Amino acid sequence: MLGVVAVVVAGGAVASGVVIADRASAADPPLTAVARSTDVIRSVSGTGTLVDQYTYAVDADGTATLTARAGASTGSTGSSTGGAGGTGGTGGGGGSAQAGAGSLTVDSVSVEPGQRLDRGDRIARVERADGSLHDVDAPVSGHVRSVSTAAHADAGRLVTIGAGRVLAALEISENQIAEVRSGQRVAITLAAGTATTTGVVDAVEQVPDASSGALRYPVLVRLDRIPSGARIGMTATGAITTAHADDVVAVPAAAIEGAGQDLRVRVVDGDATRAVPIEIGLVGDTAVEVRSGPRAGQRVVVGASGEVAATTRRLGPPTSVTGASPTLAATGGSK
C-alpha cells in the first residue's frame, strides 16, 4: 500500500514525509528489483505551446507586418503605409492597392482559417473609393491563422498568416537549462496526451521569462512531424533527452546505499543478501548505470528495510548518494 511515513535509512537517519510502498509486516522478505541491461536516459521536462515560426498580419492595402516570432510578439501591429518584411520571411506588399486602408472596402474574401497559401495566392478583393477592384495577394507562403473581416465591411486587417515551421515553444526552469543544448532529441505530448510526436532542440533562448515570478528559459523545438488534429496554441509538454547510456547494466536509484565513492547494493544470494561495492555511471530518470557490481539478472534489495521510494525523479545533475532516498553523483557515462 502507499502511505506517508517516517523512513529509517542507512546509518540510522530518518527521512520523514516520504511516499513509499510499504511491506505488509517486518517479517516479509525485502522488496527487490532485477539488475538489467537497458538504456539509461536522463531528461529535462518543460511545458509550452505550439507556435508558428513567423506570424504576419496582412492589411487590405497589401501591407504585411511581422507581428510575432516563435510566438513572441515583435511589438509591431502593422500599418497601412506600405509593405514591410521581417527576419526569416519575405514580407512586402502583397496586393496592388495603394490607398490607405480607410478608403477600402472588402468586396470578397477568398481564404478561411487553416487554409494553406502559396505566395501570390489571392487573399481578398477590395474596392477603392473610385469603385475599382484590386486583389490582395499573400506576401508569404504559410497557413491562414485568422480572418479578420468579411465581405462588404470597411477594410483594415484582413488575415494573419503563420509562416515557416511549426515549433513547440517550451519553458525550462533555471536550474535545468544548463543541461539543454541545440540538437538534443525531444519527446512531445500535445493537449493532455491526445497526440504525441518527436523533435529536436532548435534554439535555446538566452533571455528568461520572469512573468510567472520564476525564471524560465524558452526552448524552441523543431518537430519531426505535426500530429493530425494539432493546432497552433495547443499545450505541448516536452521531455528533452540530455544524456543517455545505451545497453548498460542498471538498477533503481533506491537500491543504492552509501555516500561519496563508497557505494554498494545488496544482492540477493539464496535466502540471504550480501553487500556488493559498485561504481556508477549515468544517473537517469528511473535507473542508474552500474559500471561494476551486480551482473544483469541478479536481484538487488530496493530501499532500506525493504521499503522503496515511489518516486526517485532527479532534477539536474545530482551530487551525492545517501541512504534510502539517494542523490547520486554522475561520473560520466553519457554516450
Protein backbone atom coordinates (compact mmCIF):
# COMPACT_ATOMS: atom_id res chain seq x y z
CA MET A 1 0.00 0.00 0.00
CA LEU A 2 1.06 3.62 -0.36
CA GLY A 3 1.45 5.82 2.66
CA VAL A 4 3.29 8.80 4.12
CA VAL A 5 5.57 7.54 6.88
CA ALA A 6 8.94 8.16 8.51
CA VAL A 7 11.57 6.04 6.79
CA VAL A 8 14.71 4.86 8.61
CA VAL A 9 17.55 4.98 6.09
CA ALA A 10 21.07 3.54 6.11
CA GLY A 11 23.12 4.89 9.01
CA GLY A 12 20.06 5.46 11.22
CA ALA A 13 18.96 8.80 9.69
CA VAL A 14 15.22 9.44 9.44
CA ALA A 15 13.65 10.93 6.32
CA SER A 16 10.05 11.96 7.09
CA GLY A 17 7.20 12.56 4.66
CA VAL A 18 8.46 10.09 2.04
CA VAL A 19 5.82 8.32 -0.05
CA ILE A 20 6.69 4.62 -0.07
CA ALA A 21 5.41 1.21 -0.97
CA ASP A 22 5.25 -0.48 2.44
CA ARG A 23 5.68 -4.16 3.28
CA ALA A 24 2.75 -5.87 4.96
CA SER A 25 4.90 -6.66 8.02
CA ALA A 26 8.50 -6.65 9.20
CA ALA A 27 8.59 -10.43 8.72
CA ASP A 28 8.05 -10.14 4.97
CA PRO A 29 11.05 -10.53 2.67
CA PRO A 30 12.57 -7.29 1.36
CA LEU A 31 11.38 -5.80 -1.89
CA THR A 32 13.76 -6.48 -4.75
CA ALA A 33 14.41 -5.49 -8.34
CA VAL A 34 16.41 -7.11 -11.13
CA ALA A 35 19.63 -5.54 -12.37
CA ARG A 36 19.09 -5.49 -16.12
CA SER A 37 20.69 -4.45 -19.38
CA THR A 38 18.83 -1.40 -20.65
CA ASP A 39 19.20 2.15 -21.90
CA VAL A 40 19.57 4.74 -19.14
CA ILE A 41 18.14 8.14 -20.01
CA ARG A 42 18.24 11.45 -18.17
CA SER A 43 15.80 14.11 -19.33
CA VAL A 44 14.59 17.63 -18.61
CA SER A 45 10.89 18.47 -18.88
CA GLY A 46 9.11 21.65 -19.87
CA THR A 47 5.67 22.84 -20.90
CA GLY A 48 4.67 25.35 -23.55
CA THR A 49 2.59 25.67 -26.72
CA LEU A 50 2.70 25.04 -30.45
CA VAL A 51 3.64 28.21 -32.32
CA ASP A 52 4.39 29.38 -35.83
CA GLN A 53 7.99 30.30 -36.57
CA TYR A 54 6.74 33.62 -38.01
CA THR A 55 3.35 35.31 -37.87
CA TYR A 56 2.41 38.02 -40.38
CA ALA A 57 -0.55 40.38 -40.35
CA VAL A 58 -1.82 41.41 -43.80
CA ASP A 59 -3.83 44.62 -44.25
CA ALA A 60 -6.24 45.50 -47.02
CA ASP A 61 -3.69 47.71 -48.77
CA GLY A 62 -1.27 44.77 -49.09
CA THR A 63 0.91 45.63 -46.10
CA ALA A 64 2.50 42.57 -44.45
CA THR A 65 3.91 43.07 -40.94
CA LEU A 66 5.86 40.52 -38.89
CA THR A 67 3.92 40.60 -35.60
CA ALA A 68 5.37 37.55 -33.81
CA ARG A 69 8.46 35.37 -33.95
CA ALA A 70 8.13 31.88 -32.41
CA GLY A 71 5.03 33.05 -30.57
CA ALA A 72 6.72 36.10 -29.03
CA SER A 73 5.38 39.48 -30.10
CA THR A 74 7.73 41.70 -32.10
CA GLY A 75 5.90 44.80 -30.89
CA SER A 76 4.71 45.61 -34.43
CA THR A 77 0.98 45.81 -35.03
CA GLY A 78 1.02 46.62 -38.72
CA SER A 79 0.08 49.76 -40.63
CA SER A 80 -1.44 50.85 -43.89
CA THR A 81 1.51 52.73 -45.30
CA GLY A 82 3.20 50.11 -47.47
CA GLY A 83 4.88 46.70 -47.46
CA ALA A 84 7.10 45.65 -44.59
CA GLY A 85 9.09 42.47 -44.19
CA GLY A 86 10.80 40.79 -41.27
CA THR A 87 13.65 38.46 -40.44
CA GLY A 88 13.05 34.96 -41.78
CA GLY A 89 10.14 35.91 -44.03
CA THR A 90 9.59 37.53 -47.38
CA GLY A 91 7.32 40.35 -46.30
CA GLY A 92 6.42 43.26 -48.52
CA GLY A 93 3.19 44.49 -50.01
CA GLY A 94 1.24 41.59 -51.50
CA GLY A 95 -1.51 43.45 -53.33
CA SER A 96 -1.84 46.23 -55.87
CA ALA A 97 -3.95 48.58 -53.76
CA GLN A 98 -2.10 51.81 -53.00
CA ALA A 99 -4.60 53.81 -50.98
CA GLY A 100 -4.85 53.76 -47.19
CA ALA A 101 -6.94 51.03 -45.61
CA GLY A 102 -9.57 53.53 -44.50
CA SER A 103 -10.62 54.18 -48.13
CA LEU A 104 -11.02 50.49 -48.98
CA THR A 105 -13.99 48.16 -48.71
CA VAL A 106 -13.83 44.39 -48.82
CA ASP A 107 -15.55 43.03 -51.92
CA SER A 108 -14.85 39.35 -51.28
CA VAL A 109 -12.67 37.14 -49.07
CA SER A 110 -11.00 34.16 -50.73
CA VAL A 111 -9.50 32.31 -47.74
CA GLU A 112 -10.56 30.70 -44.48
CA PRO A 113 -8.70 29.78 -41.27
CA GLY A 114 -6.41 26.77 -41.65
CA GLN A 115 -6.10 27.12 -45.41
CA ARG A 116 -2.66 26.61 -46.99
CA LEU A 117 -1.45 29.56 -49.09
CA ASP A 118 1.40 29.95 -51.51
CA ARG A 119 2.97 33.32 -52.02
CA GLY A 120 0.91 35.23 -54.60
CA ASP A 121 -2.39 33.43 -53.89
CA ARG A 122 -5.34 35.80 -53.64
CA ILE A 123 -6.46 36.59 -50.09
CA ALA A 124 -9.25 39.05 -50.86
CA ARG A 125 -10.58 41.53 -53.39
CA VAL A 126 -11.02 45.11 -52.19
CA GLU A 127 -12.87 48.09 -53.65
CA ARG A 128 -11.27 51.52 -53.69
CA ALA A 129 -13.13 54.77 -53.21
CA ASP A 130 -13.28 55.24 -57.00
CA GLY A 131 -15.08 51.90 -57.40
CA SER A 132 -12.15 49.99 -58.89
CA LEU A 133 -11.44 46.45 -57.65
CA HIS A 134 -7.98 45.18 -56.71
CA ASP A 135 -6.66 41.87 -55.41
CA VAL A 136 -4.68 41.49 -52.19
CA ASP A 137 -2.27 38.58 -52.56
CA ALA A 138 -0.39 36.51 -49.98
CA PRO A 139 3.06 38.05 -49.37
CA VAL A 140 4.44 34.76 -47.94
CA SER A 141 3.64 31.08 -48.09
CA GLY A 142 2.01 29.62 -45.00
CA HIS A 143 -1.31 28.88 -43.32
CA VAL A 144 -4.15 31.29 -42.63
CA ARG A 145 -4.47 31.59 -38.86
CA SER A 146 -7.31 34.12 -38.69
CA VAL A 147 -9.60 36.09 -40.98
CA SER A 148 -10.44 39.48 -39.54
CA THR A 149 -13.06 40.87 -41.90
CA ALA A 150 -15.99 39.86 -44.08
CA ALA A 151 -17.28 40.95 -47.46
CA HIS A 152 -18.68 44.49 -47.70
CA ALA A 153 -17.03 45.62 -44.46
CA ASP A 154 -14.62 48.53 -44.20
CA ALA A 155 -11.20 47.06 -44.88
CA GLY A 156 -8.36 47.12 -42.36
CA ARG A 157 -6.61 44.00 -41.07
CA LEU A 158 -7.54 41.13 -43.39
CA VAL A 159 -5.75 38.00 -42.18
CA THR A 160 -2.87 36.63 -40.15
CA ILE A 161 -0.59 34.05 -41.77
CA GLY A 162 1.64 31.57 -39.97
CA ALA A 163 4.84 31.05 -41.96
CA GLY A 164 7.92 28.88 -41.63
CA ARG A 165 7.92 25.81 -39.38
CA VAL A 166 5.51 24.85 -36.63
CA LEU A 167 7.54 24.75 -33.38
CA ALA A 168 6.98 23.70 -29.81
CA ALA A 169 8.00 26.61 -27.59
CA LEU A 170 8.82 25.08 -24.19
CA GLU A 171 9.81 26.82 -20.97
CA ILE A 172 12.61 25.25 -18.91
CA SER A 173 13.41 26.23 -15.33
CA GLU A 174 16.67 27.98 -14.49
CA ASN A 175 18.03 25.01 -12.51
CA GLN A 176 17.66 22.73 -15.56
CA ILE A 177 18.52 24.96 -18.51
CA ALA A 178 22.29 24.35 -18.25
CA GLU A 179 21.70 20.76 -19.42
CA VAL A 180 19.82 21.79 -22.58
CA ARG A 181 21.53 22.48 -25.91
CA SER A 182 20.68 22.52 -29.60
CA GLY A 183 20.42 19.15 -31.32
CA GLN A 184 19.05 17.16 -28.35
CA ARG A 185 16.11 14.86 -29.02
CA VAL A 186 12.69 15.69 -27.56
CA ALA A 187 9.53 13.65 -26.97
CA ILE A 188 6.45 15.88 -27.30
CA THR A 189 2.96 15.23 -25.90
CA LEU A 190 0.11 17.50 -27.00
CA ALA A 191 -3.14 18.54 -25.34
CA ALA A 192 -3.16 16.31 -22.26
CA GLY A 193 -1.95 13.21 -24.06
CA THR A 194 -4.21 13.31 -27.12
CA ALA A 195 -1.26 13.15 -29.55
CA THR A 196 2.50 12.60 -29.49
CA THR A 197 5.42 13.40 -31.74
CA THR A 198 9.17 13.86 -31.57
CA GLY A 199 11.54 16.67 -32.41
CA VAL A 200 14.92 18.24 -31.85
CA VAL A 201 16.00 21.33 -29.89
CA ASP A 202 16.36 24.09 -32.47
CA ALA A 203 17.30 27.03 -30.23
CA VAL A 204 17.84 27.83 -26.55
CA GLU A 205 16.94 31.44 -25.77
CA GLN A 206 19.34 33.43 -23.62
CA VAL A 207 16.79 35.80 -22.06
CA PRO A 208 14.44 34.24 -19.47
CA ASP A 209 10.74 34.86 -18.98
CA ALA A 210 10.10 36.00 -15.40
CA SER A 211 6.39 36.84 -15.79
CA SER A 212 5.34 33.97 -13.52
CA GLY A 213 7.77 35.03 -10.78
CA ALA A 214 10.24 32.24 -11.57
CA LEU A 215 12.96 32.37 -14.22
CA ARG A 216 12.11 30.09 -17.13
CA TYR A 217 14.03 29.97 -20.41
CA PRO A 218 12.28 29.47 -23.78
CA VAL A 219 13.47 26.45 -25.75
CA LEU A 220 12.29 26.05 -29.36
CA VAL A 221 11.77 22.51 -30.64
CA ARG A 222 11.58 21.67 -34.36
CA LEU A 223 9.01 18.90 -34.83
CA ASP A 224 9.71 15.80 -36.92
CA ARG A 225 6.04 15.71 -37.90
CA ILE A 226 2.85 17.53 -36.98
CA PRO A 227 0.24 15.16 -35.50
CA SER A 228 -3.22 15.05 -37.03
CA GLY A 229 -5.52 17.50 -35.26
CA ALA A 230 -2.69 19.61 -33.86
CA ARG A 231 -3.43 23.35 -33.73
CA ILE A 232 -1.39 26.43 -33.04
CA GLY A 233 -1.70 27.34 -29.36
CA MET A 234 -2.17 23.77 -28.12
CA THR A 235 -0.38 22.87 -24.90
CA ALA A 236 2.83 20.93 -25.53
CA THR A 237 4.82 19.03 -22.90
CA GLY A 238 8.34 18.01 -23.83
CA ALA A 239 10.91 15.64 -22.35
CA ILE A 240 14.37 16.64 -23.60
CA THR A 241 16.95 13.85 -23.51
CA THR A 242 20.05 15.47 -22.03
CA ALA A 243 22.16 12.31 -21.58
CA HIS A 244 21.87 8.61 -22.36
CA ALA A 245 23.85 5.41 -21.97
CA ASP A 246 22.93 2.56 -24.32
CA ASP A 247 22.61 -1.10 -23.29
CA VAL A 248 24.21 -0.89 -19.84
CA VAL A 249 23.54 -2.71 -16.57
CA ALA A 250 21.25 -0.58 -14.42
CA VAL A 251 19.48 -0.69 -11.05
CA PRO A 252 16.83 1.51 -9.42
CA ALA A 253 18.26 4.51 -7.58
CA ALA A 254 16.58 3.32 -4.36
CA ALA A 255 18.74 0.17 -4.42
CA ILE A 256 21.95 2.13 -3.83
CA GLU A 257 23.37 2.68 -0.34
CA GLY A 258 26.39 4.61 0.91
CA ALA A 259 27.90 8.01 0.18
CA GLY A 260 30.62 9.56 -1.96
CA GLN A 261 32.74 6.87 -3.60
CA ASP A 262 31.68 4.22 -1.07
CA LEU A 263 28.57 2.97 -2.84
CA ARG A 264 27.02 -0.50 -2.74
CA VAL A 265 23.92 -2.55 -3.39
CA ARG A 266 22.64 -5.58 -1.51
CA VAL A 267 22.49 -8.57 -3.85
CA VAL A 268 20.11 -11.44 -3.05
CA ASP A 269 22.15 -14.64 -2.56
CA GLY A 270 19.86 -17.57 -1.77
CA ASP A 271 17.99 -16.79 1.46
CA ALA A 272 20.44 -14.04 2.42
CA THR A 273 21.80 -10.80 0.97
CA ARG A 274 25.35 -9.55 0.63
CA ALA A 275 26.75 -6.07 0.09
CA VAL A 276 28.45 -5.57 -3.29
CA PRO A 277 30.54 -2.43 -3.96
CA ILE A 278 29.57 -0.59 -7.14
CA GLU A 279 30.80 2.12 -9.45
CA ILE A 280 28.02 4.15 -11.01
CA GLY A 281 27.84 5.89 -14.37
CA LEU A 282 24.90 7.86 -15.68
CA VAL A 283 22.13 8.75 -13.24
CA GLY A 284 18.90 8.55 -15.25
CA ASP A 285 15.28 9.41 -14.63
CA THR A 286 14.29 5.96 -13.38
CA ALA A 287 17.54 3.96 -13.16
CA VAL A 288 21.27 4.31 -12.53
CA GLU A 289 24.02 2.83 -14.69
CA VAL A 290 26.22 0.40 -12.73
CA ARG A 291 29.67 0.03 -14.29
CA SER A 292 30.87 -2.57 -11.80
CA GLY A 293 28.99 -4.64 -9.23
CA PRO A 294 25.91 -6.80 -9.88
CA ARG A 295 25.51 -8.65 -13.15
CA ALA A 296 22.45 -8.38 -15.34
CA GLY A 297 19.78 -10.75 -13.99
CA GLN A 298 20.83 -10.58 -10.34
CA ARG A 299 18.28 -9.37 -7.81
CA VAL A 300 19.05 -6.38 -5.56
CA VAL A 301 17.26 -5.13 -2.48
CA VAL A 302 15.37 -1.89 -3.12
CA GLY A 303 15.17 0.69 -0.34
CA ALA A 304 16.07 0.49 3.35
CA SER A 305 14.45 -2.45 5.21
CA GLY A 306 12.51 -3.42 2.11
CA GLU A 307 10.85 -0.04 1.61
CA VAL A 308 11.08 1.55 -1.84
CA ALA A 309 10.61 5.22 -2.62
CA ALA A 310 7.69 5.61 -5.03
CA THR A 311 9.44 8.47 -6.82
CA THR A 312 13.16 8.85 -7.48
CA ARG A 313 12.90 11.67 -10.04
CA ARG A 314 16.04 13.86 -10.20
CA LEU A 315 16.18 17.45 -11.36
CA GLY A 316 19.57 18.31 -12.85
CA PRO A 317 22.87 16.53 -12.25
CA PRO A 318 22.90 15.07 -8.70
CA THR A 319 25.89 15.40 -6.40
CA SER A 320 25.96 12.67 -3.72
CA VAL A 321 24.43 9.39 -2.57
CA THR A 322 22.86 8.85 0.83
CA GLY A 323 20.56 6.26 2.35
CA ALA A 324 17.21 5.13 1.02
CA SER A 325 16.49 8.38 -0.76
CA PRO A 326 19.85 8.89 -2.50
CA THR A 327 21.04 11.82 -4.60
CA LEU A 328 23.59 10.32 -6.92
CA ALA A 329 26.82 11.72 -8.36
CA ALA A 330 27.02 11.30 -12.12
CA THR A 331 30.51 10.15 -13.06
CA GLY A 332 30.10 10.38 -16.81
CA GLY A 333 28.78 7.58 -18.94
CA SER A 334 26.74 9.62 -21.41
CA LYS A 335 27.02 8.34 -24.95
